Amino acid sequence: MTAPSFAMRVLHVVCRIPPGRAATYGDVAALAGSPRAARAVGTVMRTCRAEGVPCHRVVAAGGRLGGYGGRPAMKRALLAAEGIIVIGARIADWRRVRWPRGARC
């Protein structure tokens, strides 16, 4: 039996982020077993076309929105629909919104 690919592990982690919460690329990388692979998580998110994967819940360090494939307004709208407040280019009350609680950059 072979181990799941990094991309599959990333998608599995992202699917576990609950509505109204967000995780950083680094958080997702660490939970997927590769704590130094935040940029690779960004690549997986950018190229993900899988239905139902909440890629909008993955953000840059410190609660910054990041690019979302060149559609930051769409990312902002999807987060807002889940009750996440974005001020400027950052999530307000980042410590409350961050998943999992207690995660570190």
PDB file of N, CA and C in Angstrom:
ATOM      1  N   MET A   1       0.840  -1.170   0.000  1.00  0.00           N
ATOM      2  CA  MET A   1       0.000   0.000   0.000  1.00  0.00           C
ATOM      3  C   MET A   1       0.893   1.244   0.000  1.00  0.00           C
ATOM      4  N   THR A   2       0.608   2.176  -0.874  1.00  0.00           N
ATOM      5  CA  THR A   2       1.419   3.393  -0.953  1.00  0.00           C
ATOM      6  C   THR A   2       0.791   4.501  -0.117  1.00  0.00           C
ATOM      7  N   ALA A   3       1.634   5.391   0.336  1.00  0.00           N
ATOM      8  CA  ALA A   3       1.161   6.537   1.120  1.00  0.00           C
ATOM      9  C   ALA A   3       0.454   7.524   0.195  1.00  0.00           C
ATOM     10  N   PRO A   4      -0.547   8.244   0.708  1.00  0.00           N
ATOM     11  CA  PRO A   4      -1.215   9.240  -0.133  1.00  0.00           C
ATOM     12  C   PRO A   4      -0.242  10.343  -0.528  1.00  0.00           C
ATOM     13  N   SER A   5      -0.455  10.906  -1.691  1.00  0.00           N
ATOM     14  CA  SER A   5       0.417  11.980  -2.162  1.00  0.00           C
ATOM     15  C   SER A   5       0.256  13.213  -1.268  1.00  0.00           C
ATOM     16  N   PHE A   6       1.241  14.095  -1.346  1.00  0.00           N
ATOM     17  CA  PHE A   6       1.184  15.334  -0.578  1.00  0.00           C
ATOM     18  C   PHE A   6      -0.094  16.102  -0.911  1.00  0.00           C
ATOM     19  N   ALA A   7      -0.423  16.209  -2.184  1.00  0.00           N
ATOM     20  CA  ALA A   7      -1.618  16.955  -2.591  1.00  0.00           C
ATOM     21  C   ALA A   7      -2.875  16.348  -1.979  1.00  0.00           C
ATOM     22  N   MET A   8      -2.964  15.038  -1.941  1.00  0.00           N
ATOM     23  CA  MET A   8      -4.131  14.381  -1.342  1.00  0.00           C
ATOM     24  C   MET A   8      -4.197  14.647   0.155  1.00  0.00           C
ATOM     25  N   ARG A   9      -3.049  14.629   0.825  1.00  0.00           N
ATOM     26  CA  ARG A   9      -3.026  14.926   2.264  1.00  0.00           C
ATOM     27  C   ARG A   9      -3.460  16.365   2.517  1.00  0.00           C
ATOM     28  N   VAL A  10      -3.002  17.280   1.668  1.00  0.00           N
ATOM     29  CA  VAL A  10      -3.390  18.688   1.801  1.00  0.00           C
ATOM     30  C   VAL A  10      -4.900  18.832   1.637  1.00  0.00           C
ATOM     31  N   LEU A  11      -5.462  18.238   0.617  1.00  0.00           N
ATOM     32  CA  LEU A  11      -6.901  18.347   0.379  1.00  0.00           C
ATOM     33  C   LEU A  11      -7.698  17.747   1.530  1.00  0.00           C
ATOM     34  N   HIS A  12      -7.207  16.657   2.092  1.00  0.00           N
ATOM     35  CA  HIS A  12      -7.869  16.040   3.247  1.00  0.00           C
ATOM     36  C   HIS A  12      -7.890  17.018   4.425  1.00  0.00           C
ATOM     37  N   VAL A  13      -6.768  17.688   4.688  1.00  0.00           N
ATOM     38  CA  VAL A  13      -6.699  18.669   5.779  1.00  0.00           C
ATOM     39  C   VAL A  13      -7.645  19.831   5.502  1.00  0.00           C
ATOM     40  N   VAL A  14      -7.605  20.360   4.297  1.00  0.00           N
ATOM     41  CA  VAL A  14      -8.437  21.523   3.961  1.00  0.00           C
ATOM     42  C   VAL A  14      -9.921  21.189   4.104  1.00  0.00           C
ATOM     43  N   CYS A  15     -10.304  19.991   3.744  1.00  0.00           N
ATOM     44  CA  CYS A  15     -11.712  19.592   3.878  1.00  0.00           C
ATOM     45  C   CYS A  15     -12.155  19.508   5.334  1.00  0.00           C
ATOM     46  N   ARG A  16     -11.220  19.433   6.260  1.00  0.00           N
ATOM     47  CA  ARG A  16     -11.548  19.372   7.689  1.00  0.00           C
ATOM     48  C   ARG A  16     -11.706  20.757   8.320  1.00  0.00           C
ATOM     49  N   ILE A  17     -11.313  21.822   7.619  1.00  0.00           N
ATOM     50  CA  ILE A  17     -11.454  23.177   8.173  1.00  0.00           C
ATOM     51  C   ILE A  17     -12.948  23.498   8.219  1.00  0.00           C
ATOM     52  N   PRO A  18     -13.481  23.765   9.414  1.00  0.00           N
ATOM     53  CA  PRO A  18     -14.920  24.005   9.511  1.00  0.00           C
ATOM     54  C   PRO A  18     -15.328  25.376   8.968  1.00  0.00           C
ATOM     55  N   PRO A  19     -16.587  25.512   8.566  1.00  0.00           N
ATOM     56  CA  PRO A  19     -17.083  26.814   8.127  1.00  0.00           C
ATOM     57  C   PRO A  19     -16.882  27.846   9.232  1.00  0.00           C
ATOM     58  N   GLY A  20     -16.535  29.061   8.825  1.00  0.00           N
ATOM     59  CA  GLY A  20     -16.321  30.136   9.781  1.00  0.00           C
ATOM     60  C   GLY A  20     -14.945  30.139  10.406  1.00  0.00           C
ATOM     61  N   ARG A  21     -14.083  29.257   9.942  1.00  0.00           N
ATOM     62  CA  ARG A  21     -12.712  29.173  10.439  1.00  0.00           C
ATOM     63  C   ARG A  21     -11.767  29.191   9.243  1.00  0.00           C
ATOM     64  N   ALA A  22     -10.482  29.461   9.485  1.00  0.00           N
ATOM     65  CA  ALA A  22      -9.479  29.491   8.417  1.00  0.00           C
ATOM     66  C   ALA A  22      -8.148  29.011   8.979  1.00  0.00           C
ATOM     67  N   ALA A  23      -7.305  28.515   8.109  1.00  0.00           N
ATOM     68  CA  ALA A  23      -5.966  28.051   8.481  1.00  0.00           C
ATOM     69  C   ALA A  23      -4.961  28.655   7.512  1.00  0.00           C
ATOM     70  N   THR A  24      -3.723  28.788   7.960  1.00  0.00           N
ATOM     71  CA  THR A  24      -2.689  29.316   7.072  1.00  0.00           C
ATOM     72  C   THR A  24      -2.138  28.198   6.194  1.00  0.00           C
ATOM     73  N   TYR A  25      -1.452  28.614   5.134  1.00  0.00           N
ATOM     74  CA  TYR A  25      -0.782  27.636   4.282  1.00  0.00           C
ATOM     75  C   TYR A  25       0.189  26.805   5.119  1.00  0.00           C
ATOM     76  N   GLY A  26       0.886  27.455   6.049  1.00  0.00           N
ATOM     77  CA  GLY A  26       1.820  26.751   6.925  1.00  0.00           C
ATOM     78  C   GLY A  26       1.138  25.777   7.859  1.00  0.00           C
ATOM     79  N   ASP A  27      -0.019  26.175   8.400  1.00  0.00           N
ATOM     80  CA  ASP A  27      -0.787  25.270   9.257  1.00  0.00           C
ATOM     81  C   ASP A  27      -1.170  24.011   8.493  1.00  0.00           C
ATOM     82  N   VAL A  28      -1.668  24.208   7.282  1.00  0.00           N
ATOM     83  CA  VAL A  28      -2.093  23.072   6.457  1.00  0.00           C
ATOM     84  C   VAL A  28      -0.899  22.179   6.135  1.00  0.00           C
ATOM     85  N   ALA A  29       0.229  22.796   5.784  1.00  0.00           N
ATOM     86  CA  ALA A  29       1.434  22.010   5.482  1.00  0.00           C
ATOM     87  C   ALA A  29       1.833  21.157   6.679  1.00  0.00           C
ATOM     88  N   ALA A  30       1.837  21.759   7.868  1.00  0.00           N
ATOM     89  CA  ALA A  30       2.213  21.014   9.076  1.00  0.00           C
ATOM     90  C   ALA A  30       1.244  19.870   9.342  1.00  0.00           C
ATOM     91  N   LEU A  31      -0.049  20.125   9.225  1.00  0.00           N
ATOM     92  CA  LEU A  31      -1.041  19.084   9.460  1.00  0.00           C
ATOM     93  C   LEU A  31      -0.990  17.986   8.403  1.00  0.00           C
ATOM     94  N   ALA A  32      -0.474  18.325   7.212  1.00  0.00           N
ATOM     95  CA  ALA A  32      -0.324  17.327   6.147  1.00  0.00           C
ATOM     96  C   ALA A  32       0.995  16.570   6.258  1.00  0.00           C
ATOM     97  N   GLY A  33       1.780  16.896   7.288  1.00  0.00           N
ATOM     98  CA  GLY A  33       3.016  16.151   7.530  1.00  0.00           C
ATOM     99  C   GLY A  33       4.269  16.752   6.937  1.00  0.00           C
ATOM    100  N   SER A  34       4.187  17.945   6.368  1.00  0.00           N
ATOM    101  CA  SER A  34       5.350  18.600   5.763  1.00  0.00           C
ATOM    102  C   SER A  34       5.391  20.055   6.206  1.00  0.00           C
ATOM    103  N   PRO A  35       5.835  20.312   7.439  1.00  0.00           N
ATOM    104  CA  PRO A  35       5.736  21.652   8.010  1.00  0.00           C
ATOM    105  C   PRO A  35       6.470  22.760   7.264  1.00  0.00           C
ATOM    106  N   ARG A  36       7.388  22.439   6.403  1.00  0.00           N
ATOM    107  CA  ARG A  36       8.121  23.475   5.661  1.00  0.00           C
ATOM    108  C   ARG A  36       7.604  23.641   4.233  1.00  0.00           C
ATOM    109  N   ALA A  37       6.430  23.132   3.949  1.00  0.00           N
ATOM    110  CA  ALA A  37       5.918  23.113   2.576  1.00  0.00           C
ATOM    111  C   ALA A  37       4.745  24.069   2.349  1.00  0.00           C
ATOM    112  N   ALA A  38       4.758  25.225   3.006  1.00  0.00           N
ATOM    113  CA  ALA A  38       3.651  26.177   2.856  1.00  0.00           C
ATOM    114  C   ALA A  38       3.469  26.616   1.399  1.00  0.00           C
ATOM    115  N   ARG A  39       4.566  26.854   0.702  1.00  0.00           N
ATOM    116  CA  ARG A  39       4.447  27.271  -0.713  1.00  0.00           C
ATOM    117  C   ARG A  39       3.834  26.174  -1.570  1.00  0.00           C
ATOM    118  N   ALA A  40       4.172  24.935  -1.251  1.00  0.00           N
ATOM    119  CA  ALA A  40       3.593  23.810  -1.993  1.00  0.00           C
ATOM    120  C   ALA A  40       2.092  23.719  -1.738  1.00  0.00           C
ATOM    121  N   VAL A  41       1.663  24.040  -0.523  1.00  0.00           N
ATOM    122  CA  VAL A  41       0.223  24.079  -0.224  1.00  0.00           C
ATOM    123  C   VAL A  41      -0.431  25.139  -1.099  1.00  0.00           C
ATOM    124  N   GLY A  42       0.215  26.283  -1.253  1.00  0.00           N
ATOM    125  CA  GLY A  42      -0.314  27.332  -2.123  1.00  0.00           C
ATOM    126  C   GLY A  42      -0.490  26.850  -3.548  1.00  0.00           C
ATOM    127  N   THR A  43       0.445  26.069  -4.023  1.00  0.00           N
ATOM    128  CA  THR A  43       0.339  25.510  -5.375  1.00  0.00           C
ATOM    129  C   THR A  43      -0.839  24.557  -5.475  1.00  0.00           C
ATOM    130  N   VAL A  44      -1.004  23.707  -4.472  1.00  0.00           N
ATOM    131  CA  VAL A  44      -2.138  22.775  -4.472  1.00  0.00           C
ATOM    132  C   VAL A  44      -3.454  23.562  -4.471  1.00  0.00           C
ATOM    133  N   MET A  45      -3.528  24.608  -3.656  1.00  0.00           N
ATOM    134  CA  MET A  45      -4.754  25.415  -3.590  1.00  0.00           C
ATOM    135  C   MET A  45      -5.025  26.111  -4.919  1.00  0.00           C
ATOM    136  N   ARG A  46      -3.983  26.652  -5.528  1.00  0.00           N
ATOM    137  CA  ARG A  46      -4.129  27.387  -6.788  1.00  0.00           C
ATOM    138  C   ARG A  46      -4.600  26.475  -7.921  1.00  0.00           C
ATOM    139  N   THR A  47      -4.186  25.223  -7.915  1.00  0.00           N
ATOM    140  CA  THR A  47      -4.519  24.315  -9.009  1.00  0.00           C
ATOM    141  C   THR A  47      -5.697  23.401  -8.691  1.00  0.00           C
ATOM    142  N   CYS A  48      -6.249  23.498  -7.501  1.00  0.00           N
ATOM    143  CA  CYS A  48      -7.345  22.620  -7.095  1.00  0.00           C
ATOM    144  C   CYS A  48      -8.619  22.957  -7.860  1.00  0.00           C
ATOM    145  N   ARG A  49      -9.183  21.978  -8.461  1.00  0.00           N
ATOM    146  CA  ARG A  49     -10.465  22.134  -9.161  1.00  0.00           C
ATOM    147  C   ARG A  49     -11.499  21.170  -8.589  1.00  0.00           C
ATOM    148  N   ALA A  50     -11.167  20.521  -7.482  1.00  0.00           N
ATOM    149  CA  ALA A  50     -12.063  19.531  -6.883  1.00  0.00           C
ATOM    150  C   ALA A  50     -13.285  20.210  -6.283  1.00  0.00           C
ATOM    151  N   GLU A  51     -14.435  19.712  -6.620  1.00  0.00           N
ATOM    152  CA  GLU A  51     -15.700  20.229  -6.106  1.00  0.00           C
ATOM    153  C   GLU A  51     -15.771  20.018  -4.597  1.00  0.00           C
ATOM    154  N   GLY A  52     -16.198  21.033  -3.884  1.00  0.00           N
ATOM    155  CA  GLY A  52     -16.427  20.889  -2.450  1.00  0.00           C
ATOM    156  C   GLY A  52     -15.231  21.101  -1.551  1.00  0.00           C
ATOM    157  N   VAL A  53     -14.055  21.381  -2.110  1.00  0.00           N
ATOM    158  CA  VAL A  53     -12.873  21.646  -1.279  1.00  0.00           C
ATOM    159  C   VAL A  53     -12.868  23.141  -0.950  1.00  0.00           C
ATOM    160  N   PRO A  54     -12.946  23.507   0.340  1.00  0.00           N
ATOM    161  CA  PRO A  54     -13.045  24.914   0.713  1.00  0.00           C
ATOM    162  C   PRO A  54     -11.699  25.638   0.695  1.00  0.00           C
ATOM    163  N   CYS A  55     -11.119  25.771  -0.474  1.00  0.00           N
ATOM    164  CA  CYS A  55      -9.801  26.408  -0.624  1.00  0.00           C
ATOM    165  C   CYS A  55      -9.791  27.842  -0.094  1.00  0.00           C
ATOM    166  N   HIS A  56     -10.938  28.501  -0.093  1.00  0.00           N
ATOM    167  CA  HIS A  56     -11.011  29.884   0.389  1.00  0.00           C
ATOM    168  C   HIS A  56     -10.691  29.992   1.874  1.00  0.00           C
ATOM    169  N   ARG A  57     -10.732  28.895   2.604  1.00  0.00           N
ATOM    170  CA  ARG A  57     -10.444  28.911   4.038  1.00  0.00           C
ATOM    171  C   ARG A  57      -8.950  28.830   4.348  1.00  0.00           C
ATOM    172  N   VAL A  58      -8.122  28.766   3.328  1.00  0.00           N
ATOM    173  CA  VAL A  58      -6.669  28.730   3.518  1.00  0.00           C
ATOM    174  C   VAL A  58      -6.132  30.116   3.175  1.00  0.00           C
ATOM    175  N   VAL A  59      -5.425  30.706   4.133  1.00  0.00           N
ATOM    176  CA  VAL A  59      -4.967  32.081   3.998  1.00  0.00           C
ATOM    177  C   VAL A  59      -3.475  32.175   4.304  1.00  0.00           C
ATOM    178  N   ALA A  60      -2.915  33.330   4.046  1.00  0.00           N
ATOM    179  CA  ALA A  60      -1.496  33.571   4.312  1.00  0.00           C
ATOM    180  C   ALA A  60      -1.281  33.805   5.812  1.00  0.00           C
ATOM    181  N   ALA A  61      -0.029  33.867   6.203  1.00  0.00           N
ATOM    182  CA  ALA A  61       0.345  34.054   7.604  1.00  0.00           C
ATOM    183  C   ALA A  61      -0.304  35.306   8.180  1.00  0.00           C
ATOM    184  N   GLY A  62      -0.669  35.230   9.436  1.00  0.00           N
ATOM    185  CA  GLY A  62      -1.237  36.373  10.121  1.00  0.00           C
ATOM    186  C   GLY A  62      -2.655  36.717   9.713  1.00  0.00           C
ATOM    187  N   GLY A  63      -3.310  35.833   8.957  1.00  0.00           N
ATOM    188  CA  GLY A  63      -4.679  36.085   8.530  1.00  0.00           C
ATOM    189  C   GLY A  63      -4.817  36.932   7.288  1.00  0.00           C
ATOM    190  N   ARG A  64      -3.702  37.151   6.566  1.00  0.00           N
ATOM    191  CA  ARG A  64      -3.790  37.872   5.280  1.00  0.00           C
ATOM    192  C   ARG A  64      -4.497  36.972   4.271  1.00  0.00           C
ATOM    193  N   LEU A  65      -5.253  37.566   3.378  1.00  0.00           N
ATOM    194  CA  LEU A  65      -6.052  36.763   2.453  1.00  0.00           C
ATOM    195  C   LEU A  65      -5.245  35.956   1.455  1.00  0.00           C
ATOM    196  N   GLY A  66      -4.180  36.495   0.922  1.00  0.00           N
ATOM    197  CA  GLY A  66      -3.476  35.793  -0.149  1.00  0.00           C
ATOM    198  C   GLY A  66      -4.192  36.033  -1.473  1.00  0.00           C
ATOM    199  N   GLY A  67      -3.795  35.334  -2.498  1.00  0.00           N
ATOM    200  CA  GLY A  67      -4.271  35.643  -3.838  1.00  0.00           C
ATOM    201  C   GLY A  67      -5.544  34.986  -4.296  1.00  0.00           C
ATOM    202  N   TYR A  68      -5.794  33.746  -3.946  1.00  0.00           N
ATOM    203  CA  TYR A  68      -6.969  32.984  -4.375  1.00  0.00           C
ATOM    204  C   TYR A  68      -7.093  32.988  -5.895  1.00  0.00           C
ATOM    205  N   GLY A  69      -6.003  32.630  -6.548  1.00  0.00           N
ATOM    206  CA  GLY A  69      -6.012  32.500  -8.000  1.00  0.00           C
ATOM    207  C   GLY A  69      -6.348  33.791  -8.725  1.00  0.00           C
ATOM    208  N   GLY A  70      -5.965  34.930  -8.147  1.00  0.00           N
ATOM    209  CA  GLY A  70      -6.246  36.204  -8.789  1.00  0.00           C
ATOM    210  C   GLY A  70      -7.652  36.713  -8.560  1.00  0.00           C
ATOM    211  N   ARG A  71      -8.388  36.082  -7.638  1.00  0.00           N
ATOM    212  CA  ARG A  71      -9.765  36.500  -7.361  1.00  0.00           C
ATOM    213  C   ARG A  71      -9.965  36.796  -5.871  1.00  0.00           C
ATOM    214  N   PRO A  72      -9.233  37.763  -5.335  1.00  0.00           N
ATOM    215  CA  PRO A  72      -9.357  38.044  -3.901  1.00  0.00           C
ATOM    216  C   PRO A  72     -10.756  38.500  -3.488  1.00  0.00           C
ATOM    217  N   ALA A  73     -11.488  39.167  -4.378  1.00  0.00           N
ATOM    218  CA  ALA A  73     -12.854  39.594  -4.045  1.00  0.00           C
ATOM    219  C   ALA A  73     -13.748  38.375  -3.832  1.00  0.00           C
ATOM    220  N   MET A  74     -13.539  37.332  -4.617  1.00  0.00           N
ATOM    221  CA  MET A  74     -14.318  36.103  -4.465  1.00  0.00           C
ATOM    222  C   MET A  74     -13.990  35.441  -3.120  1.00  0.00           C
ATOM    223  N   LYS A  75     -12.712  35.389  -2.774  1.00  0.00           N
ATOM    224  CA  LYS A  75     -12.300  34.800  -1.500  1.00  0.00           C
ATOM    225  C   LYS A  75     -12.928  35.573  -0.341  1.00  0.00           C
ATOM    226  N   ARG A  76     -12.866  36.892  -0.421  1.00  0.00           N
ATOM    227  CA  ARG A  76     -13.454  37.748   0.613  1.00  0.00           C
ATOM    228  C   ARG A  76     -14.956  37.463   0.746  1.00  0.00           C
ATOM    229  N   ALA A  77     -15.653  37.346  -0.382  1.00  0.00           N
ATOM    230  CA  ALA A  77     -17.097  37.091  -0.357  1.00  0.00           C
ATOM    231  C   ALA A  77     -17.420  35.724   0.238  1.00  0.00           C
ATOM    232  N   LEU A  78     -16.642  34.705  -0.119  1.00  0.00           N
ATOM    233  CA  LEU A  78     -16.875  33.363   0.427  1.00  0.00           C
ATOM    234  C   LEU A  78     -16.636  33.334   1.938  1.00  0.00           C
ATOM    235  N   LEU A  79     -15.595  34.009   2.389  1.00  0.00           N
ATOM    236  CA  LEU A  79     -15.326  34.077   3.826  1.00  0.00           C
ATOM    237  C   LEU A  79     -16.437  34.852   4.535  1.00  0.00           C
ATOM    238  N   ALA A  80     -16.870  35.956   3.956  1.00  0.00           N
ATOM    239  CA  ALA A  80     -17.936  36.760   4.553  1.00  0.00           C
ATOM    240  C   ALA A  80     -19.227  35.954   4.668  1.00  0.00           C
ATOM    241  N   ALA A  81     -19.510  35.135   3.677  1.00  0.00           N
ATOM    242  CA  ALA A  81     -20.714  34.297   3.712  1.00  0.00           C
ATOM    243  C   ALA A  81     -20.680  33.307   4.876  1.00  0.00           C
ATOM    244  N   GLU A  82     -19.492  33.020   5.381  1.00  0.00           N
ATOM    245  CA  GLU A  82     -19.339  32.119   6.523  1.00  0.00           C
ATOM    246  C   GLU A  82     -19.197  32.885   7.837  1.00  0.00           C
ATOM    247  N   GLY A  83     -19.359  34.209   7.781  1.00  0.00           N
ATOM    248  CA  GLY A  83     -19.300  35.016   8.983  1.00  0.00           C
ATOM    249  C   GLY A  83     -17.918  35.504   9.364  1.00  0.00           C
ATOM    250  N   ILE A  84     -16.946  35.334   8.481  1.00  0.00           N
ATOM    251  CA  ILE A  84     -15.586  35.806   8.749  1.00  0.00           C
ATOM    252  C   ILE A  84     -15.465  37.246   8.252  1.00  0.00           C
ATOM    253  N   ILE A  85     -15.077  38.127   9.139  1.00  0.00           N
ATOM    254  CA  ILE A  85     -14.954  39.544   8.803  1.00  0.00           C
ATOM    255  C   ILE A  85     -13.537  39.818   8.297  1.00  0.00           C
ATOM    256  N   VAL A  86     -13.455  40.457   7.151  1.00  0.00           N
ATOM    257  CA  VAL A  86     -12.170  40.835   6.566  1.00  0.00           C
ATOM    258  C   VAL A  86     -12.099  42.351   6.534  1.00  0.00           C
ATOM    259  N   ILE A  87     -11.030  42.888   7.103  1.00  0.00           N
ATOM    260  CA  ILE A  87     -10.804  44.334   7.078  1.00  0.00           C
ATOM    261  C   ILE A  87      -9.511  44.567   6.299  1.00  0.00           C
ATOM    262  N   GLY A  88      -9.617  45.339   5.232  1.00  0.00           N
ATOM    263  CA  GLY A  88      -8.465  45.513   4.355  1.00  0.00           C
ATOM    264  C   GLY A  88      -8.166  44.173   3.696  1.00  0.00           C
ATOM    265  N   ALA A  89      -6.968  43.683   3.916  1.00  0.00           N
ATOM    266  CA  ALA A  89      -6.581  42.388   3.339  1.00  0.00           C
ATOM    267  C   ALA A  89      -6.340  41.341   4.422  1.00  0.00           C
ATOM    268  N   ARG A  90      -6.893  41.564   5.624  1.00  0.00           N
ATOM    269  CA  ARG A  90      -6.688  40.632   6.738  1.00  0.00           C
ATOM    270  C   ARG A  90      -8.002  40.229   7.387  1.00  0.00           C
ATOM    271  N   ILE A  91      -7.996  39.031   7.932  1.00  0.00           N
ATOM    272  CA  ILE A  91      -9.141  38.561   8.701  1.00  0.00           C
ATOM    273  C   ILE A  91      -9.128  39.245  10.064  1.00  0.00           C
ATOM    274  N   ALA A  92     -10.262  39.838  10.426  1.00  0.00           N
ATOM    275  CA  ALA A  92     -10.397  40.453  11.747  1.00  0.00           C
ATOM    276  C   ALA A  92     -10.502  39.342  12.788  1.00  0.00           C
ATOM    277  N   ASP A  93     -10.017  39.603  13.976  1.00  0.00           N
ATOM    278  CA  ASP A  93     -10.079  38.649  15.087  1.00  0.00           C
ATOM    279  C   ASP A  93      -9.457  37.296  14.680  1.00  0.00           C
ATOM    280  N   TRP A  94      -8.276  37.383  14.093  1.00  0.00           N
ATOM    281  CA  TRP A  94      -7.596  36.207  13.558  1.00  0.00           C
ATOM    282  C   TRP A  94      -7.432  35.097  14.592  1.00  0.00           C
ATOM    283  N   ARG A  95      -7.119  35.431  15.809  1.00  0.00           N
ATOM    284  CA  ARG A  95      -6.920  34.391  16.832  1.00  0.00           C
ATOM    285  C   ARG A  95      -8.179  33.564  17.068  1.00  0.00           C
ATOM    286  N   ARG A  96      -9.331  34.178  16.971  1.00  0.00           N
ATOM    287  CA  ARG A  96     -10.589  33.456  17.163  1.00  0.00           C
ATOM    288  C   ARG A  96     -10.922  32.586  15.947  1.00  0.00           C
ATOM    289  N   VAL A  97     -10.621  33.091  14.777  1.00  0.00           N
ATOM    290  CA  VAL A  97     -10.998  32.416  13.525  1.00  0.00           C
ATOM    291  C   VAL A  97     -10.035  31.280  13.173  1.00  0.00           C
ATOM    292  N   ARG A  98      -8.785  31.394  13.591  1.00  0.00           N
ATOM    293  CA  ARG A  98      -7.758  30.438  13.161  1.00  0.00           C
ATOM    294  C   ARG A  98      -8.060  29.018  13.619  1.00  0.00           C
ATOM    295  N   TRP A  99      -7.876  28.085  12.691  1.00  0.00           N
ATOM    296  CA  TRP A  99      -8.077  26.662  12.940  1.00  0.00           C
ATOM    297  C   TRP A  99      -6.774  25.940  12.664  1.00  0.00           C
ATOM    298  N   PRO A 100      -6.388  24.965  13.407  1.00  0.00           N
ATOM    299  CA  PRO A 100      -6.965  24.637  14.711  1.00  0.00           C
ATOM    300  C   PRO A 100      -6.532  25.655  15.756  1.00  0.00           C
ATOM    301  N   ARG A 101      -7.323  25.784  16.782  1.00  0.00           N
ATOM    302  CA  ARG A 101      -6.988  26.748  17.855  1.00  0.00           C
ATOM    303  C   ARG A 101      -5.608  26.437  18.400  1.00  0.00           C
ATOM    304  N   GLY A 102      -4.855  27.489  18.657  1.00  0.00           N
ATOM    305  CA  GLY A 102      -3.516  27.306  19.217  1.00  0.00           C
ATOM    306  C   GLY A 102      -2.442  27.022  18.186  1.00  0.00           C
ATOM    307  N   ALA A 103      -2.799  27.016  16.886  1.00  0.00           N
ATOM    308  CA  ALA A 103      -1.782  26.788  15.858  1.00  0.00           C
ATOM    309  C   ALA A 103      -0.779  27.925  15.883  1.00  0.00           C
ATOM    310  N   ARG A 104       0.440  27.614  15.507  1.00  0.00           N
ATOM    311  CA  ARG A 104       1.502  28.627  15.491  1.00  0.00           C
ATOM    312  C   ARG A 104       2.047  28.788  14.089  1.00  0.00           C
ATOM    313  N   CYS A 105       2.459  30.028  13.769  1.00  0.00           N
ATOM    314  CA  CYS A 105       3.090  30.281  12.466  1.00  0.00           C
ATOM    315  C   CYS A 105       4.523  29.797  12.521  1.00  0.00           C
TER     316      CYS A 105
END
